[in-house]
Amino acid sequence: MPLAAAGNQQMTLRRAPNIWAFVLLGGVLGAVVGVLVGLAGGGSAEFTQGAVTLFMVSVCTVLGLAAGAVLALVLDRVSVALARAVTTEVVDGDGGAPSGAPADAPRPTDPRSSREG
């Protein structure tokens, strides 16, 4: 949607979760749970403690990745439902900066412009 030249414009505002952060956190938590479950289980004659632990870490990591992704998608759908329409003011391309001023100079409406310093 192109921006209007000047004036007001309707936009949708929502907070969306970072999906990859949820997936990564789910994988890390799954790996920790896998280590704890693998070490808590008793040894057997068929498998060593290390093999059982590695297997549990693998399984729990995959389950944690999937759970993190599902949680992120659910939260994303909730954020879509909670989205709200806002009105924004579109200004000209120069941004209201005085001519000849450096790019980082405060604008006339900027609170920094009234400070002495």
Foldseek 3Di string as FASTA:
>chain_A
DDDDQWFKDKDKDWDADDLVVLLVVLLVVLLVVLQVVLQPDDADPVDGSVVSSVVSSVVSSVVSNVVSNVVRVVRRVVRVVVIDMDMDTDDHPVVQADPPDDPPDDHPPDPVVPDDD
